[in-house]
Amino acid sequence: MEDSGILDLYWDRDERAISETDAKYGRFCYTVAYNILRDGADAEESVNDTYLAAWNAMPPRRPNVLRTFIGKLARRISISRWRHKSAEKRGGSEAELALEELSWCLPDGSRIDERIALSELSAAIDVFLREQPETQRKVFVCRYWYCESVEEIARRFGFSKGKVKSMLFRLREKLASRLSEEGLIDGR
């Protein structure tokens, strides 16, 4: 079924919207959730919570791109579940590693509140990513949006792990430099 048809089902409050969403985007949502949580049962719960969140959001919200909307919900819900679980124990999940890698070139939460609006930072990162070559942009998004492992990214793009690590390092350096130039973070 096309996305517009699925959206119409949500709008009509037809429960088939959930099964159609699952048929079209279930594997995608599971992959997003699993990359963050690294636990099949938790990923399944996050996917189910994603469908509930989509059901509750539509209407009144009608997303322009259903895949992106569903992916954002799955990511947000999975990160929330991961934070809850990791508050009790610390471990080396891909989400934790990816966020740790990126943390040194972004301000911490308190500094964002003190110095800039989160939307300004987000807009600057969006502009930065649009300026990057397509492959580098996709590698960055795979790592820092979908929390894929370096190994998964290397397989997907046919690169060595070393090349992926180098590419990500250079992108983080460029991003930190850009954000510093724009006054969004302190110089590193």
N, C-alpha and C. Protein backbone atom coordinates (compact mmCIF):
# COMPACT_ATOMS: atom_id res chain seq x y z
N MET A 1 0.85 -1.17 0.00
CA MET A 1 0.00 0.00 0.00
C MET A 1 0.89 1.24 0.00
N GLU A 2 0.47 2.26 -0.71
CA GLU A 2 1.20 3.52 -0.76
C GLU A 2 1.06 4.26 0.57
N ASP A 3 2.02 5.12 0.84
CA ASP A 3 2.00 5.88 2.09
C ASP A 3 0.73 6.72 2.23
N SER A 4 0.29 7.31 1.14
CA SER A 4 -0.91 8.16 1.22
C SER A 4 -2.12 7.33 1.68
N GLY A 5 -2.20 6.09 1.22
CA GLY A 5 -3.28 5.21 1.65
C GLY A 5 -3.17 4.85 3.12
N ILE A 6 -1.95 4.61 3.57
CA ILE A 6 -1.73 4.30 4.99
C ILE A 6 -2.12 5.51 5.83
N LEU A 7 -1.69 6.70 5.40
CA LEU A 7 -2.04 7.91 6.13
C LEU A 7 -3.55 8.11 6.19
N ASP A 8 -4.22 7.81 5.10
CA ASP A 8 -5.68 7.91 5.09
C ASP A 8 -6.31 6.98 6.12
N LEU A 9 -5.73 5.77 6.26
CA LEU A 9 -6.24 4.83 7.26
C LEU A 9 -6.09 5.41 8.67
N TYR A 10 -4.93 6.01 8.95
CA TYR A 10 -4.75 6.65 10.26
C TYR A 10 -5.79 7.75 10.44
N TRP A 11 -5.95 8.55 9.40
CA TRP A 11 -6.87 9.68 9.48
C TRP A 11 -8.30 9.21 9.71
N ASP A 12 -8.65 8.06 9.12
CA ASP A 12 -10.00 7.51 9.29
C ASP A 12 -10.14 6.69 10.57
N ARG A 13 -9.03 6.61 11.34
CA ARG A 13 -8.98 5.82 12.58
C ARG A 13 -9.28 4.35 12.32
N ASP A 14 -8.79 3.87 11.19
CA ASP A 14 -8.95 2.47 10.79
C ASP A 14 -7.74 1.69 11.31
N GLU A 15 -8.00 0.67 12.11
CA GLU A 15 -6.92 -0.09 12.73
C GLU A 15 -6.01 -0.80 11.73
N ARG A 16 -6.45 -0.94 10.50
CA ARG A 16 -5.58 -1.53 9.48
C ARG A 16 -4.34 -0.67 9.23
N ALA A 17 -4.39 0.58 9.67
CA ALA A 17 -3.23 1.46 9.52
C ALA A 17 -2.00 0.84 10.18
N ILE A 18 -2.20 0.22 11.33
CA ILE A 18 -1.09 -0.38 12.06
C ILE A 18 -0.52 -1.57 11.29
N SER A 19 -1.37 -2.46 10.81
CA SER A 19 -0.87 -3.63 10.09
C SER A 19 -0.22 -3.23 8.77
N GLU A 20 -0.75 -2.21 8.10
CA GLU A 20 -0.14 -1.74 6.86
C GLU A 20 1.21 -1.06 7.13
N THR A 21 1.28 -0.32 8.22
CA THR A 21 2.55 0.29 8.61
C THR A 21 3.57 -0.78 8.92
N ASP A 22 3.13 -1.80 9.65
CA ASP A 22 4.04 -2.90 9.99
C ASP A 22 4.51 -3.64 8.74
N ALA A 23 3.61 -3.87 7.81
CA ALA A 23 3.98 -4.58 6.59
C ALA A 23 5.01 -3.79 5.79
N LYS A 24 4.85 -2.49 5.75
CA LYS A 24 5.74 -1.68 4.92
C LYS A 24 7.00 -1.24 5.67
N TYR A 25 6.88 -0.91 6.94
CA TYR A 25 8.00 -0.31 7.68
C TYR A 25 8.41 -1.07 8.94
N GLY A 26 7.83 -2.23 9.17
CA GLY A 26 8.15 -2.98 10.38
C GLY A 26 9.62 -3.36 10.48
N ARG A 27 10.17 -3.88 9.41
CA ARG A 27 11.59 -4.28 9.42
C ARG A 27 12.49 -3.06 9.63
N PHE A 28 12.16 -1.96 8.98
CA PHE A 28 12.91 -0.71 9.13
C PHE A 28 12.87 -0.26 10.59
N CYS A 29 11.71 -0.22 11.19
CA CYS A 29 11.57 0.20 12.58
C CYS A 29 12.34 -0.73 13.53
N TYR A 30 12.24 -2.02 13.26
CA TYR A 30 12.95 -2.98 14.10
C TYR A 30 14.46 -2.75 14.01
N THR A 31 14.96 -2.51 12.81
CA THR A 31 16.40 -2.28 12.62
C THR A 31 16.84 -1.04 13.38
N VAL A 32 16.07 0.03 13.27
CA VAL A 32 16.39 1.26 14.01
C VAL A 32 16.43 0.96 15.51
N ALA A 33 15.40 0.31 16.01
CA ALA A 33 15.32 0.01 17.44
C ALA A 33 16.44 -0.93 17.88
N TYR A 34 16.69 -1.97 17.09
CA TYR A 34 17.72 -2.94 17.47
C TYR A 34 19.11 -2.31 17.46
N ASN A 35 19.39 -1.42 16.51
CA ASN A 35 20.70 -0.76 16.46
C ASN A 35 20.96 0.06 17.71
N ILE A 36 19.92 0.57 18.31
CA ILE A 36 20.06 1.36 19.53
C ILE A 36 20.08 0.48 20.76
N LEU A 37 19.18 -0.49 20.81
CA LEU A 37 18.99 -1.27 22.03
C LEU A 37 19.83 -2.55 22.10
N ARG A 38 20.12 -3.14 20.95
CA ARG A 38 20.87 -4.40 20.88
C ARG A 38 20.21 -5.52 21.67
N ASP A 39 18.88 -5.50 21.68
CA ASP A 39 18.13 -6.54 22.36
C ASP A 39 16.83 -6.74 21.57
N GLY A 40 16.61 -7.96 21.10
CA GLY A 40 15.46 -8.24 20.25
C GLY A 40 14.12 -7.96 20.91
N ALA A 41 13.97 -8.36 22.16
CA ALA A 41 12.69 -8.15 22.85
C ALA A 41 12.43 -6.66 23.06
N ASP A 42 13.46 -5.93 23.47
CA ASP A 42 13.29 -4.49 23.66
C ASP A 42 13.00 -3.80 22.33
N ALA A 43 13.65 -4.26 21.27
CA ALA A 43 13.41 -3.68 19.95
C ALA A 43 11.96 -3.90 19.53
N GLU A 44 11.44 -5.11 19.76
CA GLU A 44 10.04 -5.40 19.43
C GLU A 44 9.09 -4.50 20.21
N GLU A 45 9.37 -4.32 21.50
CA GLU A 45 8.52 -3.44 22.31
C GLU A 45 8.57 -2.02 21.79
N SER A 46 9.76 -1.57 21.40
CA SER A 46 9.89 -0.22 20.86
C SER A 46 9.12 -0.06 19.56
N VAL A 47 9.14 -1.10 18.72
CA VAL A 47 8.38 -1.05 17.47
C VAL A 47 6.88 -0.94 17.78
N ASN A 48 6.41 -1.74 18.71
CA ASN A 48 4.99 -1.67 19.09
C ASN A 48 4.64 -0.30 19.67
N ASP A 49 5.54 0.24 20.48
CA ASP A 49 5.32 1.58 21.03
C ASP A 49 5.34 2.63 19.91
N THR A 50 6.14 2.39 18.89
CA THR A 50 6.19 3.30 17.73
C THR A 50 4.83 3.35 17.05
N TYR A 51 4.22 2.18 16.85
CA TYR A 51 2.91 2.15 16.20
C TYR A 51 1.86 2.87 17.06
N LEU A 52 1.93 2.68 18.36
CA LEU A 52 1.00 3.36 19.25
C LEU A 52 1.21 4.88 19.18
N ALA A 53 2.46 5.30 19.17
CA ALA A 53 2.76 6.74 19.08
C ALA A 53 2.27 7.31 17.75
N ALA A 54 2.43 6.55 16.67
CA ALA A 54 1.94 7.01 15.37
C ALA A 54 0.41 7.12 15.41
N TRP A 55 -0.25 6.14 15.99
CA TRP A 55 -1.70 6.14 16.09
C TRP A 55 -2.18 7.36 16.88
N ASN A 56 -1.46 7.68 17.95
CA ASN A 56 -1.85 8.81 18.79
C ASN A 56 -1.53 10.16 18.15
N ALA A 57 -0.55 10.18 17.25
CA ALA A 57 -0.14 11.44 16.63
C ALA A 57 -0.97 11.81 15.40
N MET A 58 -1.57 10.81 14.77
CA MET A 58 -2.34 11.06 13.54
C MET A 58 -3.80 10.70 13.76
N PRO A 59 -4.77 11.55 13.48
CA PRO A 59 -4.60 13.00 13.42
C PRO A 59 -4.30 13.56 14.80
N PRO A 60 -3.93 14.77 14.94
CA PRO A 60 -4.03 15.88 14.02
C PRO A 60 -2.85 16.04 13.08
N ARG A 61 -1.74 15.38 13.38
CA ARG A 61 -0.55 15.56 12.55
C ARG A 61 -0.58 14.65 11.35
N ARG A 62 -0.29 15.19 10.17
CA ARG A 62 -0.21 14.40 8.95
C ARG A 62 1.20 14.58 8.38
N PRO A 63 2.06 13.59 8.57
CA PRO A 63 3.46 13.75 8.12
C PRO A 63 3.57 13.81 6.60
N ASN A 64 4.57 14.54 6.15
CA ASN A 64 4.84 14.62 4.71
C ASN A 64 5.45 13.32 4.19
N VAL A 65 6.37 12.74 4.99
CA VAL A 65 7.05 11.50 4.59
C VAL A 65 6.85 10.49 5.73
N LEU A 66 6.04 9.48 5.48
CA LEU A 66 5.69 8.52 6.53
C LEU A 66 6.92 7.77 7.04
N ARG A 67 7.79 7.33 6.16
CA ARG A 67 9.00 6.59 6.58
C ARG A 67 9.83 7.41 7.56
N THR A 68 10.04 8.68 7.25
CA THR A 68 10.82 9.54 8.13
C THR A 68 10.12 9.73 9.46
N PHE A 69 8.83 9.96 9.42
CA PHE A 69 8.05 10.15 10.63
C PHE A 69 8.11 8.92 11.53
N ILE A 70 7.88 7.76 10.94
CA ILE A 70 7.92 6.50 11.69
C ILE A 70 9.33 6.24 12.21
N GLY A 71 10.34 6.51 11.39
CA GLY A 71 11.73 6.31 11.81
C GLY A 71 12.10 7.19 12.99
N LYS A 72 11.65 8.45 12.97
CA LYS A 72 11.92 9.36 14.09
C LYS A 72 11.25 8.86 15.37
N LEU A 73 10.02 8.41 15.23
CA LEU A 73 9.32 7.88 16.41
C LEU A 73 10.07 6.67 16.97
N ALA A 74 10.44 5.74 16.10
CA ALA A 74 11.15 4.53 16.53
C ALA A 74 12.46 4.88 17.22
N ARG A 75 13.18 5.83 16.65
CA ARG A 75 14.46 6.26 17.21
C ARG A 75 14.26 6.90 18.58
N ARG A 76 13.32 7.84 18.67
CA ARG A 76 13.08 8.54 19.93
C ARG A 76 12.65 7.56 21.03
N ILE A 77 11.76 6.67 20.70
CA ILE A 77 11.26 5.70 21.68
C ILE A 77 12.38 4.75 22.11
N SER A 78 13.19 4.32 21.16
CA SER A 78 14.29 3.39 21.47
C SER A 78 15.35 4.06 22.32
N ILE A 79 15.68 5.30 22.01
CA ILE A 79 16.67 6.01 22.82
C ILE A 79 16.14 6.22 24.24
N SER A 80 14.86 6.53 24.36
CA SER A 80 14.27 6.68 25.69
C SER A 80 14.36 5.36 26.47
N ARG A 81 14.04 4.25 25.81
CA ARG A 81 14.12 2.95 26.46
C ARG A 81 15.58 2.63 26.82
N TRP A 82 16.51 2.94 25.91
CA TRP A 82 17.93 2.70 26.17
C TRP A 82 18.40 3.51 27.38
N ARG A 83 18.01 4.80 27.45
CA ARG A 83 18.42 5.65 28.57
C ARG A 83 17.88 5.09 29.88
N HIS A 84 16.64 4.64 29.85
CA HIS A 84 16.05 4.07 31.05
C HIS A 84 16.84 2.83 31.50
N LYS A 85 17.14 1.97 30.54
CA LYS A 85 17.88 0.75 30.89
C LYS A 85 19.31 1.05 31.32
N SER A 86 19.96 2.00 30.63
CA SER A 86 21.36 2.26 30.94
C SER A 86 21.53 3.10 32.20
N ALA A 87 20.44 3.67 32.70
CA ALA A 87 20.52 4.37 33.98
C ALA A 87 20.81 3.38 35.09
N GLU A 88 20.38 2.15 34.90
CA GLU A 88 20.59 1.12 35.90
C GLU A 88 21.94 0.43 35.74
N LYS A 89 22.41 0.36 34.50
CA LYS A 89 23.70 -0.29 34.26
C LYS A 89 24.37 0.37 33.07
N ARG A 90 25.65 0.42 33.08
CA ARG A 90 26.40 1.02 31.98
C ARG A 90 27.00 -0.11 31.14
N GLY A 91 26.88 0.02 29.83
CA GLY A 91 27.41 -1.00 28.94
C GLY A 91 27.74 -0.40 27.60
N GLY A 92 28.42 -1.15 26.74
CA GLY A 92 28.92 -0.64 25.48
C GLY A 92 27.98 -0.84 24.31
N SER A 93 26.77 -0.32 24.39
CA SER A 93 25.87 -0.44 23.25
C SER A 93 26.31 0.50 22.14
N GLU A 94 25.86 0.25 20.92
CA GLU A 94 26.21 1.11 19.80
C GLU A 94 25.67 2.51 20.01
N ALA A 95 24.50 2.64 20.61
CA ALA A 95 23.95 3.97 20.85
C ALA A 95 24.87 4.75 21.78
N GLU A 96 25.32 4.10 22.84
CA GLU A 96 26.20 4.78 23.78
C GLU A 96 27.51 5.15 23.11
N LEU A 97 28.07 4.24 22.33
CA LEU A 97 29.33 4.53 21.64
C LEU A 97 29.17 5.66 20.64
N ALA A 98 28.10 5.62 19.86
CA ALA A 98 27.88 6.66 18.86
C ALA A 98 27.68 8.03 19.51
N LEU A 99 26.87 8.07 20.56
CA LEU A 99 26.64 9.34 21.24
C LEU A 99 27.90 9.84 21.92
N GLU A 100 28.70 8.94 22.45
CA GLU A 100 29.96 9.33 23.07
C GLU A 100 30.92 9.89 22.04
N GLU A 101 31.01 9.26 20.87
CA GLU A 101 31.89 9.75 19.80
C GLU A 101 31.52 11.18 19.41
N LEU A 102 30.24 11.45 19.32
CA LEU A 102 29.76 12.74 18.85
C LEU A 102 29.76 13.80 19.96
N SER A 103 29.80 13.37 21.20
CA SER A 103 29.61 14.30 22.32
C SER A 103 30.69 15.36 22.41
N TRP A 104 31.92 15.06 22.03
CA TRP A 104 32.98 16.04 22.20
C TRP A 104 32.89 17.20 21.22
N CYS A 105 32.11 17.05 20.15
CA CYS A 105 31.98 18.17 19.22
C CYS A 105 30.62 18.85 19.33
N LEU A 106 29.86 18.51 20.36
CA LEU A 106 28.59 19.16 20.62
C LEU A 106 28.57 19.65 22.05
N PRO A 107 27.86 20.72 22.31
CA PRO A 107 27.78 21.18 23.69
C PRO A 107 26.94 20.22 24.53
N ASP A 108 27.18 20.23 25.84
CA ASP A 108 26.35 19.37 26.69
C ASP A 108 24.98 20.00 26.87
N GLY A 109 24.06 19.26 27.43
CA GLY A 109 22.67 19.72 27.53
C GLY A 109 22.52 21.04 28.26
N SER A 110 23.25 21.23 29.33
CA SER A 110 23.10 22.47 30.09
C SER A 110 23.61 23.66 29.29
N ARG A 111 24.64 23.47 28.52
CA ARG A 111 25.19 24.57 27.73
C ARG A 111 24.25 24.93 26.59
N ILE A 112 23.56 23.94 26.04
CA ILE A 112 22.58 24.25 25.00
C ILE A 112 21.53 25.17 25.57
N ASP A 113 21.04 24.84 26.77
CA ASP A 113 20.01 25.67 27.40
C ASP A 113 20.54 27.07 27.69
N GLU A 114 21.80 27.17 28.06
CA GLU A 114 22.37 28.46 28.42
C GLU A 114 22.71 29.32 27.20
N ARG A 115 23.19 28.72 26.15
CA ARG A 115 23.77 29.52 25.07
C ARG A 115 22.94 29.60 23.81
N ILE A 116 22.24 28.54 23.43
CA ILE A 116 21.51 28.57 22.16
C ILE A 116 20.25 27.74 22.27
N ALA A 117 19.36 27.97 21.36
CA ALA A 117 18.18 27.12 21.27
C ALA A 117 18.57 25.84 20.54
N LEU A 118 18.01 24.75 20.95
CA LEU A 118 18.31 23.47 20.32
C LEU A 118 18.00 23.50 18.83
N SER A 119 17.00 24.23 18.44
CA SER A 119 16.64 24.29 17.02
C SER A 119 17.75 24.91 16.19
N GLU A 120 18.50 25.89 16.73
CA GLU A 120 19.61 26.50 16.00
C GLU A 120 20.72 25.47 15.76
N LEU A 121 21.01 24.69 16.76
CA LEU A 121 22.03 23.67 16.63
C LEU A 121 21.61 22.63 15.60
N SER A 122 20.38 22.21 15.69
CA SER A 122 19.85 21.23 14.74
C SER A 122 19.91 21.75 13.32
N ALA A 123 19.53 23.01 13.13
CA ALA A 123 19.56 23.61 11.79
C ALA A 123 20.99 23.68 11.27
N ALA A 124 21.93 24.02 12.12
CA ALA A 124 23.34 24.10 11.69
C ALA A 124 23.86 22.73 11.28
N ILE A 125 23.47 21.69 12.01
CA ILE A 125 23.91 20.34 11.66
C ILE A 125 23.26 19.91 10.34
N ASP A 126 21.99 20.25 10.15
CA ASP A 126 21.32 19.94 8.88
C ASP A 126 22.03 20.59 7.71
N VAL A 127 22.38 21.87 7.84
CA VAL A 127 23.07 22.58 6.77
C VAL A 127 24.43 21.91 6.51
N PHE A 128 25.14 21.62 7.58
CA PHE A 128 26.45 20.96 7.46
C PHE A 128 26.32 19.65 6.68
N LEU A 129 25.35 18.83 7.05
CA LEU A 129 25.19 17.54 6.39
C LEU A 129 24.79 17.69 4.92
N ARG A 130 23.95 18.66 4.60
CA ARG A 130 23.56 18.87 3.20
C ARG A 130 24.76 19.25 2.34
N GLU A 131 25.76 19.87 2.93
CA GLU A 131 26.94 20.30 2.20
C GLU A 131 27.95 19.17 1.97
N GLN A 132 27.78 18.06 2.66
CA GLN A 132 28.73 16.95 2.55
C GLN A 132 28.40 16.09 1.35
N PRO A 133 29.42 15.42 0.80
CA PRO A 133 29.14 14.46 -0.28
C PRO A 133 28.15 13.40 0.20
N GLU A 134 27.37 12.89 -0.73
CA GLU A 134 26.27 11.98 -0.40
C GLU A 134 26.73 10.79 0.44
N THR A 135 27.81 10.15 0.05
CA THR A 135 28.26 8.96 0.78
C THR A 135 28.65 9.31 2.21
N GLN A 136 29.38 10.41 2.39
CA GLN A 136 29.77 10.81 3.74
C GLN A 136 28.55 11.15 4.58
N ARG A 137 27.60 11.84 3.98
CA ARG A 137 26.36 12.19 4.68
C ARG A 137 25.63 10.92 5.12
N LYS A 138 25.54 9.94 4.22
CA LYS A 138 24.83 8.70 4.55
C LYS A 138 25.56 7.93 5.65
N VAL A 139 26.88 7.89 5.60
CA VAL A 139 27.65 7.21 6.64
C VAL A 139 27.41 7.89 7.99
N PHE A 140 27.44 9.21 8.00
CA PHE A 140 27.21 9.97 9.23
C PHE A 140 25.82 9.66 9.81
N VAL A 141 24.81 9.69 8.95
CA VAL A 141 23.44 9.44 9.40
C VAL A 141 23.29 8.00 9.90
N CYS A 142 23.90 7.05 9.19
CA CYS A 142 23.82 5.65 9.65
C CYS A 142 24.40 5.51 11.05
N ARG A 143 25.52 6.19 11.30
CA ARG A 143 26.17 6.06 12.59
C ARG A 143 25.44 6.84 13.68
N TYR A 144 25.16 8.10 13.43
CA TYR A 144 24.69 8.97 14.50
C TYR A 144 23.19 9.17 14.55
N TRP A 145 22.48 8.75 13.55
CA TRP A 145 21.01 8.81 13.62
C TRP A 145 20.47 7.41 13.91
N TYR A 146 20.94 6.41 13.13
CA TYR A 146 20.42 5.06 13.30
C TYR A 146 21.29 4.20 14.21
N CYS A 147 22.40 4.75 14.69
CA CYS A 147 23.30 4.07 15.65
C CYS A 147 23.79 2.73 15.13
N GLU A 148 24.09 2.64 13.85
CA GLU A 148 24.63 1.42 13.28
C GLU A 148 26.09 1.29 13.70
N SER A 149 26.56 0.07 13.82
CA SER A 149 27.95 -0.16 14.18
C SER A 149 28.85 0.18 13.00
N VAL A 150 30.11 0.43 13.28
CA VAL A 150 31.09 0.69 12.22
C VAL A 150 31.15 -0.51 11.27
N GLU A 151 31.05 -1.70 11.82
CA GLU A 151 31.09 -2.92 11.01
C GLU A 151 29.91 -2.97 10.03
N GLU A 152 28.71 -2.64 10.54
CA GLU A 152 27.52 -2.64 9.68
C GLU A 152 27.65 -1.62 8.56
N ILE A 153 28.16 -0.45 8.89
CA ILE A 153 28.32 0.60 7.89
C ILE A 153 29.35 0.18 6.85
N ALA A 154 30.44 -0.40 7.30
CA ALA A 154 31.48 -0.86 6.37
C ALA A 154 30.91 -1.89 5.39
N ARG A 155 30.13 -2.83 5.91
CA ARG A 155 29.51 -3.84 5.03
C ARG A 155 28.55 -3.18 4.04
N ARG A 156 27.72 -2.29 4.54
CA ARG A 156 26.71 -1.64 3.70
C ARG A 156 27.34 -0.88 2.54
N PHE A 157 28.43 -0.18 2.79
CA PHE A 157 29.03 0.67 1.77
C PHE A 157 30.23 0.02 1.06
N GLY A 158 30.62 -1.17 1.51
CA GLY A 158 31.76 -1.85 0.89
C GLY A 158 33.09 -1.21 1.25
N PHE A 159 33.17 -0.61 2.44
CA PHE A 159 34.39 0.03 2.92
C PHE A 159 35.04 -0.83 3.98
N SER A 160 36.31 -0.55 4.26
CA SER A 160 36.96 -1.18 5.40
C SER A 160 36.49 -0.46 6.66
N LYS A 161 36.61 -1.13 7.80
CA LYS A 161 36.26 -0.50 9.07
C LYS A 161 37.11 0.75 9.29
N GLY A 162 38.38 0.66 8.93
CA GLY A 162 39.28 1.80 9.09
C GLY A 162 38.83 3.01 8.28
N LYS A 163 38.37 2.76 7.07
CA LYS A 163 37.89 3.87 6.24
C LYS A 163 36.67 4.53 6.87
N VAL A 164 35.76 3.72 7.38
CA VAL A 164 34.56 4.27 8.03
C VAL A 164 34.96 5.08 9.26
N LYS A 165 35.84 4.53 10.08
CA LYS A 165 36.28 5.26 11.27
C LYS A 165 36.95 6.58 10.91
N SER A 166 37.79 6.56 9.90
CA SER A 166 38.47 7.79 9.46
C SER A 166 37.47 8.80 8.93
N MET A 167 36.51 8.33 8.13
CA MET A 167 35.51 9.22 7.57
C MET A 167 34.70 9.87 8.69
N LEU A 168 34.28 9.08 9.67
CA LEU A 168 33.50 9.61 10.78
C LEU A 168 34.32 10.60 11.61
N PHE A 169 35.59 10.28 11.82
CA PHE A 169 36.45 11.18 12.58
C PHE A 169 36.57 12.52 11.88
N ARG A 170 36.84 12.48 10.57
CA ARG A 170 36.98 13.72 9.80
C ARG A 170 35.68 14.53 9.80
N LEU A 171 34.56 13.84 9.66
CA LEU A 171 33.27 14.53 9.70
C LEU A 171 33.02 15.18 11.05
N ARG A 172 33.34 14.48 12.12
CA ARG A 172 33.17 15.06 13.46
C ARG A 172 34.06 16.29 13.63
N GLU A 173 35.29 16.20 13.14
CA GLU A 173 36.22 17.34 13.21
C GLU A 173 35.66 18.54 12.44
N LYS A 174 35.19 18.29 11.22
CA LYS A 174 34.62 19.36 10.41
C LYS A 174 33.38 19.95 11.06
N LEU A 175 32.53 19.10 11.62
CA LEU A 175 31.32 19.57 12.28
C LEU A 175 31.68 20.43 13.49
N ALA A 176 32.62 19.96 14.31
CA ALA A 176 33.02 20.73 15.49
C ALA A 176 33.59 22.08 15.07
N SER A 177 34.40 22.08 14.03
CA SER A 177 34.98 23.33 13.53
C SER A 177 33.88 24.28 13.06
N ARG A 178 32.93 23.75 12.30
CA ARG A 178 31.84 24.58 11.79
C ARG A 178 31.01 25.15 12.92
N LEU A 179 30.65 24.31 13.89
CA LEU A 179 29.84 24.78 15.00
C LEU A 179 30.59 25.81 15.84
N SER A 180 31.90 25.63 15.96
CA SER A 180 32.72 26.60 16.68
C SER A 180 32.77 27.93 15.94
N GLU A 181 32.96 27.87 14.61
CA GLU A 181 32.99 29.09 13.79
C GLU A 181 31.68 29.85 13.91
N GLU A 182 30.58 29.15 14.00
CA GLU A 182 29.27 29.78 14.07
C GLU A 182 28.93 30.21 15.51
N GLY A 183 29.83 29.95 16.43
CA GLY A 183 29.60 30.35 17.81
C GLY A 183 28.61 29.47 18.56
N LEU A 184 28.35 28.29 18.03
CA LEU A 184 27.37 27.40 18.67
C LEU A 184 28.02 26.53 19.75
N ILE A 185 29.33 26.35 19.68
CA ILE A 185 30.07 25.63 20.71
C ILE A 185 31.38 26.37 20.93
N ASP A 186 32.00 26.13 22.08
CA ASP A 186 33.33 26.70 22.33
C ASP A 186 34.33 26.00 21.44
N GLY A 187 35.37 26.70 21.03
CA GLY A 187 36.42 26.09 20.21
C GLY A 187 37.04 24.92 20.91
N ARG A 188 37.39 23.92 20.15
CA ARG A 188 37.97 22.70 20.74
C ARG A 188 39.45 22.68 20.45
